Amino acid sequence: MSLPSNEKIGGVSLILGSLLLTVYAALFPVLLPVGSGTHDFVQVVLNPNWIRLALVAFVGVLLMLGGFYAVYSRLRSKAGVVGAIGFLFVEAAYLLQACKITWELFLYPIIASHPESAFLLREAIIKHDPAVIMFRVAASLTIFIGVVLFCLTLYRSDEYPKAAAILFFVGALVYQVVEKLTLLDTEKY
């Protein structure tokens, strides 16, 4: 069975995006001084590896957006309402994730590099702002709802092996666990 080129590109996009997010999650605690006794988030952000890792995550998220579109385009006729809602939530989740990474990529280094604004990161003023908290809660909810519904749609479809849904769910779970463990290290900031 031959796949159309947009589905091939989407599949490659999903695989590469997943690999980049895995690399990001694995290298974050290795390349950045989290958990090393340094409790200054500003120093973590000023580390040259911060921008490199954020760029890896950003490209990974953008690739995932395209990959999910390709998968859904193949499932659309059989996905039903659950599949459509799952697709919308998973796309919204990755869009919100891309927004968050743009802060980390473009705004945090500027804030950290100026002593008069560094306190916003050092004292977690941005992180504890009610609007930012609401944003993070919305992002977490869309990720959870999107992953569960999209995995259910993948699992029920005849287009992909059932293992694809299981691997996607396990990958999302592992990524979240690693991210939460990393956040526990950065909670000190």
N, C-alpha and C. Protein backbone atom coordinates (compact mmCIF):
# COMPACT_ATOMS: atom_id res chain seq x y z
N MET A 1 0.83 -1.17 0.00
CA MET A 1 0.00 0.00 0.00
C MET A 1 0.88 1.24 0.00
N SER A 2 0.68 2.09 -0.94
CA SER A 2 1.48 3.30 -1.07
C SER A 2 0.76 4.48 -0.41
N LEU A 3 1.50 5.22 0.40
CA LEU A 3 0.93 6.39 1.07
C LEU A 3 1.15 7.64 0.23
N PRO A 4 0.17 8.56 0.26
CA PRO A 4 0.41 9.85 -0.40
C PRO A 4 1.60 10.56 0.24
N SER A 5 2.23 11.42 -0.51
CA SER A 5 3.45 12.08 -0.02
C SER A 5 3.19 12.93 1.21
N ASN A 6 2.01 13.58 1.33
CA ASN A 6 1.76 14.39 2.53
C ASN A 6 1.67 13.52 3.78
N GLU A 7 1.17 12.28 3.65
CA GLU A 7 1.12 11.38 4.78
C GLU A 7 2.52 10.87 5.15
N LYS A 8 3.36 10.65 4.14
CA LYS A 8 4.74 10.24 4.40
C LYS A 8 5.48 11.36 5.13
N ILE A 9 5.31 12.58 4.63
CA ILE A 9 5.97 13.73 5.26
C ILE A 9 5.46 13.90 6.69
N GLY A 10 4.13 13.75 6.87
CA GLY A 10 3.55 13.86 8.20
C GLY A 10 4.05 12.78 9.14
N GLY A 11 4.21 11.56 8.64
CA GLY A 11 4.73 10.48 9.46
C GLY A 11 6.17 10.74 9.88
N VAL A 12 6.97 11.18 8.93
CA VAL A 12 8.36 11.52 9.24
C VAL A 12 8.40 12.70 10.23
N SER A 13 7.51 13.65 10.04
CA SER A 13 7.43 14.81 10.93
C SER A 13 7.10 14.38 12.35
N LEU A 14 6.16 13.47 12.49
CA LEU A 14 5.76 12.97 13.82
C LEU A 14 6.91 12.22 14.49
N ILE A 15 7.59 11.40 13.72
CA ILE A 15 8.72 10.64 14.27
C ILE A 15 9.86 11.57 14.68
N LEU A 16 10.22 12.51 13.79
CA LEU A 16 11.31 13.44 14.13
C LEU A 16 10.94 14.33 15.31
N GLY A 17 9.69 14.82 15.32
CA GLY A 17 9.24 15.64 16.44
C GLY A 17 9.31 14.89 17.75
N SER A 18 8.87 13.64 17.75
CA SER A 18 8.94 12.80 18.96
C SER A 18 10.38 12.60 19.41
N LEU A 19 11.26 12.34 18.45
CA LEU A 19 12.67 12.15 18.78
C LEU A 19 13.29 13.43 19.37
N LEU A 20 12.96 14.57 18.78
CA LEU A 20 13.51 15.83 19.30
C LEU A 20 13.00 16.12 20.71
N LEU A 21 11.73 15.85 20.98
CA LEU A 21 11.21 16.06 22.33
C LEU A 21 11.82 15.08 23.32
N THR A 22 12.14 13.89 22.86
CA THR A 22 12.82 12.91 23.72
C THR A 22 14.24 13.38 24.03
N VAL A 23 14.92 13.87 23.01
CA VAL A 23 16.28 14.40 23.21
C VAL A 23 16.23 15.57 24.19
N TYR A 24 15.27 16.46 24.01
CA TYR A 24 15.11 17.61 24.91
C TYR A 24 14.92 17.14 26.36
N ALA A 25 13.97 16.22 26.56
CA ALA A 25 13.67 15.75 27.91
C ALA A 25 14.87 15.05 28.54
N ALA A 26 15.62 14.30 27.74
CA ALA A 26 16.77 13.57 28.27
C ALA A 26 17.94 14.49 28.57
N LEU A 27 18.16 15.50 27.73
CA LEU A 27 19.33 16.36 27.89
C LEU A 27 19.12 17.54 28.85
N PHE A 28 17.88 17.92 29.11
CA PHE A 28 17.61 19.06 29.98
C PHE A 28 18.31 18.94 31.34
N PRO A 29 18.11 17.83 32.07
CA PRO A 29 18.79 17.74 33.37
C PRO A 29 20.29 17.50 33.26
N VAL A 30 20.76 17.06 32.08
CA VAL A 30 22.18 16.78 31.90
C VAL A 30 22.96 18.05 31.55
N LEU A 31 22.40 18.87 30.66
CA LEU A 31 23.12 20.05 30.16
C LEU A 31 22.89 21.33 30.95
N LEU A 32 21.87 21.33 31.78
CA LEU A 32 21.58 22.54 32.56
C LEU A 32 21.84 22.29 34.04
N PRO A 33 22.24 23.32 34.77
CA PRO A 33 22.61 23.13 36.18
C PRO A 33 21.41 23.00 37.12
N VAL A 34 20.42 22.19 36.77
CA VAL A 34 19.32 21.93 37.69
C VAL A 34 19.71 20.78 38.59
N GLY A 35 19.36 20.88 39.84
CA GLY A 35 19.69 19.83 40.79
C GLY A 35 21.15 19.78 41.19
N SER A 36 21.93 20.80 40.80
CA SER A 36 23.36 20.78 41.11
C SER A 36 23.71 21.66 42.31
N GLY A 37 22.68 22.09 43.04
CA GLY A 37 22.92 22.98 44.16
C GLY A 37 22.73 24.43 43.77
N THR A 38 22.70 24.73 42.48
CA THR A 38 22.45 26.08 42.02
C THR A 38 20.95 26.32 42.11
N HIS A 39 20.56 27.30 42.89
CA HIS A 39 19.14 27.57 43.06
C HIS A 39 18.75 28.90 42.43
N ASP A 40 19.50 29.32 41.46
CA ASP A 40 19.21 30.58 40.78
C ASP A 40 18.76 30.27 39.36
N PHE A 41 17.45 30.39 39.12
CA PHE A 41 16.88 30.09 37.81
C PHE A 41 17.48 30.99 36.74
N VAL A 42 17.87 32.19 37.11
CA VAL A 42 18.48 33.11 36.15
C VAL A 42 19.76 32.50 35.59
N GLN A 43 20.56 31.85 36.43
CA GLN A 43 21.79 31.21 35.96
C GLN A 43 21.49 30.04 35.02
N VAL A 44 20.40 29.34 35.28
CA VAL A 44 20.00 28.25 34.39
C VAL A 44 19.64 28.81 33.01
N VAL A 45 18.86 29.89 32.99
CA VAL A 45 18.43 30.50 31.73
C VAL A 45 19.61 31.10 30.98
N LEU A 46 20.59 31.65 31.69
CA LEU A 46 21.75 32.26 31.04
C LEU A 46 22.75 31.23 30.52
N ASN A 47 22.60 29.98 30.91
CA ASN A 47 23.47 28.92 30.41
C ASN A 47 23.27 28.82 28.89
N PRO A 48 24.34 28.76 28.11
CA PRO A 48 24.21 28.68 26.65
C PRO A 48 23.36 27.50 26.16
N ASN A 49 23.32 26.44 26.94
CA ASN A 49 22.53 25.28 26.55
C ASN A 49 21.02 25.52 26.65
N TRP A 50 20.61 26.53 27.41
CA TRP A 50 19.18 26.84 27.55
C TRP A 50 18.54 27.11 26.19
N ILE A 51 19.15 27.99 25.43
CA ILE A 51 18.59 28.35 24.12
C ILE A 51 18.68 27.17 23.16
N ARG A 52 19.77 26.44 23.19
CA ARG A 52 19.89 25.27 22.31
C ARG A 52 18.78 24.26 22.58
N LEU A 53 18.55 23.96 23.87
CA LEU A 53 17.51 22.99 24.22
C LEU A 53 16.12 23.51 23.90
N ALA A 54 15.89 24.80 24.15
CA ALA A 54 14.57 25.37 23.82
C ALA A 54 14.32 25.32 22.32
N LEU A 55 15.36 25.52 21.54
CA LEU A 55 15.21 25.44 20.08
C LEU A 55 14.89 24.01 19.63
N VAL A 56 15.53 23.04 20.25
CA VAL A 56 15.23 21.63 19.95
C VAL A 56 13.77 21.34 20.27
N ALA A 57 13.30 21.79 21.43
CA ALA A 57 11.91 21.56 21.81
C ALA A 57 10.95 22.28 20.87
N PHE A 58 11.28 23.49 20.49
CA PHE A 58 10.41 24.28 19.61
C PHE A 58 10.25 23.60 18.25
N VAL A 59 11.35 23.17 17.67
CA VAL A 59 11.29 22.48 16.37
C VAL A 59 10.51 21.16 16.53
N GLY A 60 10.74 20.46 17.63
CA GLY A 60 10.02 19.22 17.89
C GLY A 60 8.51 19.43 17.96
N VAL A 61 8.09 20.47 18.66
CA VAL A 61 6.66 20.76 18.78
C VAL A 61 6.07 21.14 17.43
N LEU A 62 6.78 21.95 16.66
CA LEU A 62 6.26 22.33 15.33
C LEU A 62 6.13 21.10 14.43
N LEU A 63 7.10 20.21 14.48
CA LEU A 63 7.01 18.98 13.69
C LEU A 63 5.84 18.11 14.14
N MET A 64 5.59 18.06 15.43
CA MET A 64 4.47 17.28 15.95
C MET A 64 3.14 17.83 15.45
N LEU A 65 3.02 19.15 15.40
CA LEU A 65 1.78 19.75 14.89
C LEU A 65 1.46 19.26 13.48
N GLY A 66 2.46 19.29 12.62
CA GLY A 66 2.27 18.81 11.25
C GLY A 66 2.02 17.32 11.20
N GLY A 67 2.68 16.57 12.04
CA GLY A 67 2.51 15.12 12.07
C GLY A 67 1.11 14.71 12.49
N PHE A 68 0.59 15.37 13.51
CA PHE A 68 -0.78 15.05 13.95
C PHE A 68 -1.81 15.38 12.88
N TYR A 69 -1.57 16.45 12.15
CA TYR A 69 -2.48 16.79 11.07
C TYR A 69 -2.50 15.67 10.02
N ALA A 70 -1.32 15.16 9.68
CA ALA A 70 -1.24 14.09 8.67
C ALA A 70 -1.93 12.83 9.16
N VAL A 71 -1.73 12.48 10.43
CA VAL A 71 -2.39 11.29 10.97
C VAL A 71 -3.91 11.48 10.95
N TYR A 72 -4.36 12.64 11.41
CA TYR A 72 -5.81 12.88 11.45
C TYR A 72 -6.40 12.92 10.04
N SER A 73 -5.67 13.45 9.08
CA SER A 73 -6.21 13.51 7.72
C SER A 73 -6.48 12.10 7.19
N ARG A 74 -5.70 11.15 7.64
CA ARG A 74 -5.92 9.76 7.23
C ARG A 74 -7.08 9.12 8.01
N LEU A 75 -7.31 9.57 9.23
CA LEU A 75 -8.36 9.00 10.08
C LEU A 75 -9.70 9.73 9.97
N ARG A 76 -9.69 10.90 9.40
CA ARG A 76 -10.84 11.80 9.44
C ARG A 76 -12.17 11.12 9.11
N SER A 77 -12.21 10.33 8.07
CA SER A 77 -13.48 9.74 7.64
C SER A 77 -14.05 8.74 8.65
N LYS A 78 -13.18 8.16 9.49
CA LYS A 78 -13.64 7.16 10.46
C LYS A 78 -13.52 7.63 11.91
N ALA A 79 -12.97 8.82 12.13
CA ALA A 79 -12.66 9.26 13.48
C ALA A 79 -13.88 9.63 14.30
N GLY A 80 -14.89 10.14 13.68
CA GLY A 80 -16.09 10.55 14.41
C GLY A 80 -15.86 11.78 15.26
N VAL A 81 -16.80 12.02 16.14
CA VAL A 81 -16.76 13.21 17.00
C VAL A 81 -15.60 13.12 17.99
N VAL A 82 -15.41 11.94 18.57
CA VAL A 82 -14.32 11.76 19.54
C VAL A 82 -12.98 12.06 18.89
N GLY A 83 -12.77 11.56 17.69
CA GLY A 83 -11.52 11.80 16.97
C GLY A 83 -11.33 13.27 16.63
N ALA A 84 -12.41 13.93 16.21
CA ALA A 84 -12.31 15.35 15.88
C ALA A 84 -11.98 16.18 17.11
N ILE A 85 -12.64 15.87 18.22
CA ILE A 85 -12.36 16.61 19.46
C ILE A 85 -10.93 16.33 19.93
N GLY A 86 -10.52 15.06 19.86
CA GLY A 86 -9.15 14.70 20.24
C GLY A 86 -8.12 15.43 19.40
N PHE A 87 -8.37 15.49 18.09
CA PHE A 87 -7.46 16.19 17.19
C PHE A 87 -7.40 17.68 17.54
N LEU A 88 -8.55 18.30 17.74
CA LEU A 88 -8.55 19.73 18.09
C LEU A 88 -7.82 20.00 19.40
N PHE A 89 -8.03 19.14 20.38
CA PHE A 89 -7.36 19.33 21.66
C PHE A 89 -5.85 19.09 21.56
N VAL A 90 -5.45 18.06 20.81
CA VAL A 90 -4.01 17.79 20.70
C VAL A 90 -3.31 18.90 19.92
N GLU A 91 -3.96 19.42 18.89
CA GLU A 91 -3.37 20.54 18.14
C GLU A 91 -3.31 21.80 19.02
N ALA A 92 -4.37 22.06 19.78
CA ALA A 92 -4.36 23.22 20.69
C ALA A 92 -3.27 23.05 21.74
N ALA A 93 -3.11 21.83 22.24
CA ALA A 93 -2.09 21.57 23.26
C ALA A 93 -0.70 21.88 22.74
N TYR A 94 -0.40 21.42 21.54
CA TYR A 94 0.93 21.66 20.98
C TYR A 94 1.11 23.12 20.57
N LEU A 95 0.05 23.78 20.20
CA LEU A 95 0.13 25.22 19.92
C LEU A 95 0.44 25.99 21.20
N LEU A 96 -0.23 25.64 22.29
CA LEU A 96 0.06 26.28 23.58
C LEU A 96 1.48 25.96 24.04
N GLN A 97 1.91 24.73 23.79
CA GLN A 97 3.30 24.36 24.14
C GLN A 97 4.29 25.20 23.34
N ALA A 98 4.00 25.42 22.06
CA ALA A 98 4.88 26.25 21.23
C ALA A 98 4.92 27.68 21.78
N CYS A 99 3.78 28.19 22.24
CA CYS A 99 3.76 29.53 22.84
C CYS A 99 4.65 29.58 24.07
N LYS A 100 4.54 28.58 24.93
CA LYS A 100 5.35 28.53 26.15
C LYS A 100 6.84 28.49 25.81
N ILE A 101 7.18 27.71 24.80
CA ILE A 101 8.60 27.59 24.43
C ILE A 101 9.12 28.90 23.84
N THR A 102 8.26 29.66 23.16
CA THR A 102 8.73 30.96 22.65
C THR A 102 9.09 31.89 23.79
N TRP A 103 8.37 31.80 24.92
CA TRP A 103 8.76 32.60 26.09
C TRP A 103 10.16 32.18 26.52
N GLU A 104 10.36 30.86 26.63
CA GLU A 104 11.64 30.34 27.10
C GLU A 104 12.78 30.63 26.12
N LEU A 105 12.46 30.66 24.86
CA LEU A 105 13.46 30.87 23.82
C LEU A 105 13.81 32.34 23.64
N PHE A 106 12.80 33.21 23.67
CA PHE A 106 13.02 34.61 23.33
C PHE A 106 12.92 35.57 24.51
N LEU A 107 12.00 35.35 25.44
CA LEU A 107 11.80 36.31 26.52
C LEU A 107 12.65 36.04 27.75
N TYR A 108 12.69 34.79 28.22
CA TYR A 108 13.45 34.49 29.43
C TYR A 108 14.91 34.91 29.35
N PRO A 109 15.62 34.64 28.24
CA PRO A 109 17.02 35.08 28.18
C PRO A 109 17.17 36.61 28.25
N ILE A 110 16.26 37.35 27.65
CA ILE A 110 16.31 38.82 27.73
C ILE A 110 16.08 39.27 29.17
N ILE A 111 15.07 38.70 29.82
CA ILE A 111 14.78 39.05 31.21
C ILE A 111 15.95 38.69 32.12
N ALA A 112 16.52 37.51 31.93
CA ALA A 112 17.63 37.05 32.78
C ALA A 112 18.90 37.86 32.58
N SER A 113 19.10 38.38 31.37
CA SER A 113 20.35 39.10 31.09
C SER A 113 20.36 40.54 31.60
N HIS A 114 19.26 41.03 32.08
CA HIS A 114 19.19 42.40 32.61
C HIS A 114 18.97 42.34 34.13
N PRO A 115 19.94 42.82 34.91
CA PRO A 115 19.82 42.74 36.37
C PRO A 115 18.53 43.38 36.92
N GLU A 116 18.07 44.43 36.25
CA GLU A 116 16.86 45.11 36.76
C GLU A 116 15.58 44.31 36.52
N SER A 117 15.61 43.31 35.64
CA SER A 117 14.42 42.48 35.41
C SER A 117 14.61 41.03 35.83
N ALA A 118 15.82 40.63 36.16
CA ALA A 118 16.11 39.23 36.50
C ALA A 118 15.29 38.73 37.69
N PHE A 119 14.89 39.63 38.57
CA PHE A 119 14.11 39.22 39.73
C PHE A 119 12.78 38.59 39.32
N LEU A 120 12.28 38.93 38.13
CA LEU A 120 11.03 38.34 37.66
C LEU A 120 11.15 36.82 37.52
N LEU A 121 12.33 36.35 37.14
CA LEU A 121 12.58 34.91 37.05
C LEU A 121 13.09 34.36 38.38
N ARG A 122 14.02 35.08 38.99
CA ARG A 122 14.66 34.61 40.22
C ARG A 122 13.63 34.40 41.33
N GLU A 123 12.68 35.31 41.44
CA GLU A 123 11.66 35.23 42.50
C GLU A 123 10.37 34.59 42.00
N ALA A 124 10.39 34.02 40.82
CA ALA A 124 9.26 33.30 40.22
C ALA A 124 8.00 34.15 40.12
N ILE A 125 8.17 35.44 39.89
CA ILE A 125 7.02 36.34 39.77
C ILE A 125 6.20 35.99 38.52
N ILE A 126 6.87 35.73 37.42
CA ILE A 126 6.16 35.35 36.19
C ILE A 126 5.45 34.02 36.40
N LYS A 127 6.16 33.07 36.95
CA LYS A 127 5.63 31.72 37.13
C LYS A 127 4.38 31.70 38.02
N HIS A 128 4.32 32.57 39.01
CA HIS A 128 3.20 32.58 39.95
C HIS A 128 2.13 33.62 39.62
N ASP A 129 2.27 34.28 38.50
CA ASP A 129 1.24 35.22 38.07
C ASP A 129 -0.04 34.45 37.75
N PRO A 130 -1.21 34.94 38.20
CA PRO A 130 -2.46 34.21 37.95
C PRO A 130 -2.74 33.91 36.47
N ALA A 131 -2.41 34.83 35.59
CA ALA A 131 -2.65 34.59 34.16
C ALA A 131 -1.74 33.47 33.64
N VAL A 132 -0.51 33.44 34.09
CA VAL A 132 0.42 32.39 33.66
C VAL A 132 -0.02 31.04 34.24
N ILE A 133 -0.48 31.04 35.47
CA ILE A 133 -0.98 29.80 36.07
C ILE A 133 -2.18 29.29 35.29
N MET A 134 -3.10 30.18 34.92
CA MET A 134 -4.27 29.77 34.12
C MET A 134 -3.83 29.21 32.77
N PHE A 135 -2.84 29.86 32.16
CA PHE A 135 -2.31 29.38 30.88
C PHE A 135 -1.76 27.97 31.03
N ARG A 136 -0.97 27.74 32.07
CA ARG A 136 -0.37 26.42 32.28
C ARG A 136 -1.42 25.35 32.57
N VAL A 137 -2.45 25.71 33.33
CA VAL A 137 -3.53 24.76 33.61
C VAL A 137 -4.26 24.43 32.31
N ALA A 138 -4.57 25.45 31.51
CA ALA A 138 -5.25 25.21 30.22
C ALA A 138 -4.39 24.33 29.32
N ALA A 139 -3.10 24.58 29.28
CA ALA A 139 -2.20 23.78 28.46
C ALA A 139 -2.17 22.33 28.95
N SER A 140 -2.11 22.13 30.25
CA SER A 140 -2.09 20.77 30.81
C SER A 140 -3.39 20.03 30.51
N LEU A 141 -4.51 20.72 30.66
CA LEU A 141 -5.81 20.09 30.38
C LEU A 141 -5.94 19.71 28.90
N THR A 142 -5.51 20.60 28.01
CA THR A 142 -5.63 20.28 26.58
C THR A 142 -4.71 19.12 26.21
N ILE A 143 -3.54 19.06 26.82
CA ILE A 143 -2.64 17.94 26.56
C ILE A 143 -3.28 16.64 27.02
N PHE A 144 -3.80 16.64 28.24
CA PHE A 144 -4.41 15.42 28.78
C PHE A 144 -5.60 14.97 27.93
N ILE A 145 -6.54 15.87 27.70
CA ILE A 145 -7.74 15.52 26.93
C ILE A 145 -7.37 15.11 25.51
N GLY A 146 -6.50 15.89 24.88
CA GLY A 146 -6.09 15.59 23.51
C GLY A 146 -5.41 14.25 23.36
N VAL A 147 -4.47 13.96 24.25
CA VAL A 147 -3.73 12.69 24.16
C VAL A 147 -4.66 11.51 24.39
N VAL A 148 -5.50 11.59 25.41
CA VAL A 148 -6.41 10.48 25.70
C VAL A 148 -7.36 10.23 24.52
N LEU A 149 -8.01 11.29 24.03
CA LEU A 149 -8.97 11.11 22.94
C LEU A 149 -8.29 10.71 21.63
N PHE A 150 -7.13 11.30 21.35
CA PHE A 150 -6.44 10.97 20.11
C PHE A 150 -5.93 9.52 20.15
N CYS A 151 -5.42 9.10 21.30
CA CYS A 151 -4.96 7.71 21.44
C CYS A 151 -6.14 6.74 21.30
N LEU A 152 -7.27 7.10 21.87
CA LEU A 152 -8.46 6.27 21.73
C LEU A 152 -8.86 6.13 20.27
N THR A 153 -8.82 7.24 19.54
CA THR A 153 -9.16 7.22 18.11
C THR A 153 -8.16 6.38 17.33
N LEU A 154 -6.88 6.55 17.62
CA LEU A 154 -5.86 5.73 16.95
C LEU A 154 -6.07 4.25 17.24
N TYR A 155 -6.35 3.95 18.49
CA TYR A 155 -6.52 2.56 18.89
C TYR A 155 -7.71 1.91 18.19
N ARG A 156 -8.80 2.66 18.06
CA ARG A 156 -10.01 2.13 17.43
C ARG A 156 -9.93 2.09 15.91
N SER A 157 -9.01 2.80 15.34
CA SER A 157 -8.93 2.86 13.88
C SER A 157 -8.31 1.59 13.31
N ASP A 158 -8.61 1.35 12.07
CA ASP A 158 -7.98 0.24 11.36
C ASP A 158 -6.82 0.72 10.49
N GLU A 159 -6.56 2.01 10.53
CA GLU A 159 -5.54 2.61 9.68
C GLU A 159 -4.12 2.40 10.20
N TYR A 160 -3.99 2.30 11.51
CA TYR A 160 -2.68 2.16 12.14
C TYR A 160 -2.72 0.97 13.09
N PRO A 161 -1.58 0.37 13.34
CA PRO A 161 -1.54 -0.73 14.32
C PRO A 161 -1.93 -0.22 15.72
N LYS A 162 -2.52 -1.07 16.50
CA LYS A 162 -2.93 -0.71 17.87
C LYS A 162 -1.72 -0.28 18.70
N ALA A 163 -0.56 -0.84 18.36
CA ALA A 163 0.67 -0.48 19.08
C ALA A 163 1.00 1.00 18.92
N ALA A 164 0.60 1.61 17.80
CA ALA A 164 0.88 3.04 17.59
C ALA A 164 0.21 3.88 18.68
N ALA A 165 -1.04 3.55 18.99
CA ALA A 165 -1.75 4.29 20.04
C ALA A 165 -1.11 4.08 21.40
N ILE A 166 -0.72 2.85 21.67
CA ILE A 166 -0.09 2.53 22.95
C ILE A 166 1.25 3.23 23.08
N LEU A 167 2.06 3.19 22.02
CA LEU A 167 3.36 3.86 22.04
C LEU A 167 3.21 5.37 22.19
N PHE A 168 2.23 5.93 21.49
CA PHE A 168 1.99 7.37 21.61
C PHE A 168 1.61 7.73 23.04
N PHE A 169 0.73 6.96 23.64
CA PHE A 169 0.29 7.23 25.01
C PHE A 169 1.45 7.09 25.99
N VAL A 170 2.23 6.01 25.85
CA VAL A 170 3.37 5.78 26.74
C VAL A 170 4.41 6.89 26.55
N GLY A 171 4.66 7.30 25.30
CA GLY A 171 5.61 8.38 25.05
C GLY A 171 5.17 9.68 25.69
N ALA A 172 3.88 10.01 25.57
CA ALA A 172 3.36 11.23 26.19
C ALA A 172 3.47 11.14 27.71
N LEU A 173 3.20 9.98 28.25
CA LEU A 173 3.28 9.77 29.70
C LEU A 173 4.72 9.92 30.19
N VAL A 174 5.66 9.29 29.51
CA VAL A 174 7.07 9.37 29.89
C VAL A 174 7.56 10.82 29.80
N TYR A 175 7.18 11.51 28.73
CA TYR A 175 7.58 12.92 28.57
C TYR A 175 7.06 13.76 29.73
N GLN A 176 5.80 13.54 30.12
CA GLN A 176 5.22 14.30 31.23
C GLN A 176 5.92 13.98 32.55
N VAL A 177 6.25 12.71 32.78
CA VAL A 177 6.93 12.33 34.01
C VAL A 177 8.30 13.00 34.08
N VAL A 178 9.05 12.95 32.98
CA VAL A 178 10.38 13.58 32.96
C VAL A 178 10.24 15.08 33.17
N GLU A 179 9.24 15.70 32.50
CA GLU A 179 9.04 17.14 32.66
C GLU A 179 8.69 17.49 34.10
N LYS A 180 7.84 16.69 34.73
CA LYS A 180 7.46 16.95 36.13
C LYS A 180 8.66 16.77 37.05
N LEU A 181 9.48 15.75 36.81
CA LEU A 181 10.68 15.56 37.63
C LEU A 181 11.63 16.73 37.47
N THR A 182 11.77 17.22 36.25
CA THR A 182 12.62 18.38 35.99
C THR A 182 12.05 19.61 36.68
N LEU A 183 10.73 19.76 36.63
CA LEU A 183 10.09 20.90 37.29
C LEU A 183 10.29 20.84 38.79
N LEU A 184 10.33 19.62 39.35
CA LEU A 184 10.59 19.51 40.78
C LEU A 184 11.96 20.08 41.12
N ASP A 185 12.94 19.86 40.24
CA ASP A 185 14.26 20.43 40.46
C ASP A 185 14.21 21.95 40.33
N THR A 186 13.43 22.45 39.39
CA THR A 186 13.39 23.90 39.19
C THR A 186 12.41 24.59 40.13
N GLU A 187 11.62 23.84 40.91
CA GLU A 187 10.70 24.44 41.87
C GLU A 187 11.48 25.22 42.94
N LYS A 188 12.74 24.88 43.10
CA LYS A 188 13.57 25.58 44.08
C LYS A 188 13.78 27.04 43.71
N TYR A 189 13.58 27.35 42.44
CA TYR A 189 13.87 28.69 41.97
C TYR A 189 12.76 29.65 42.30
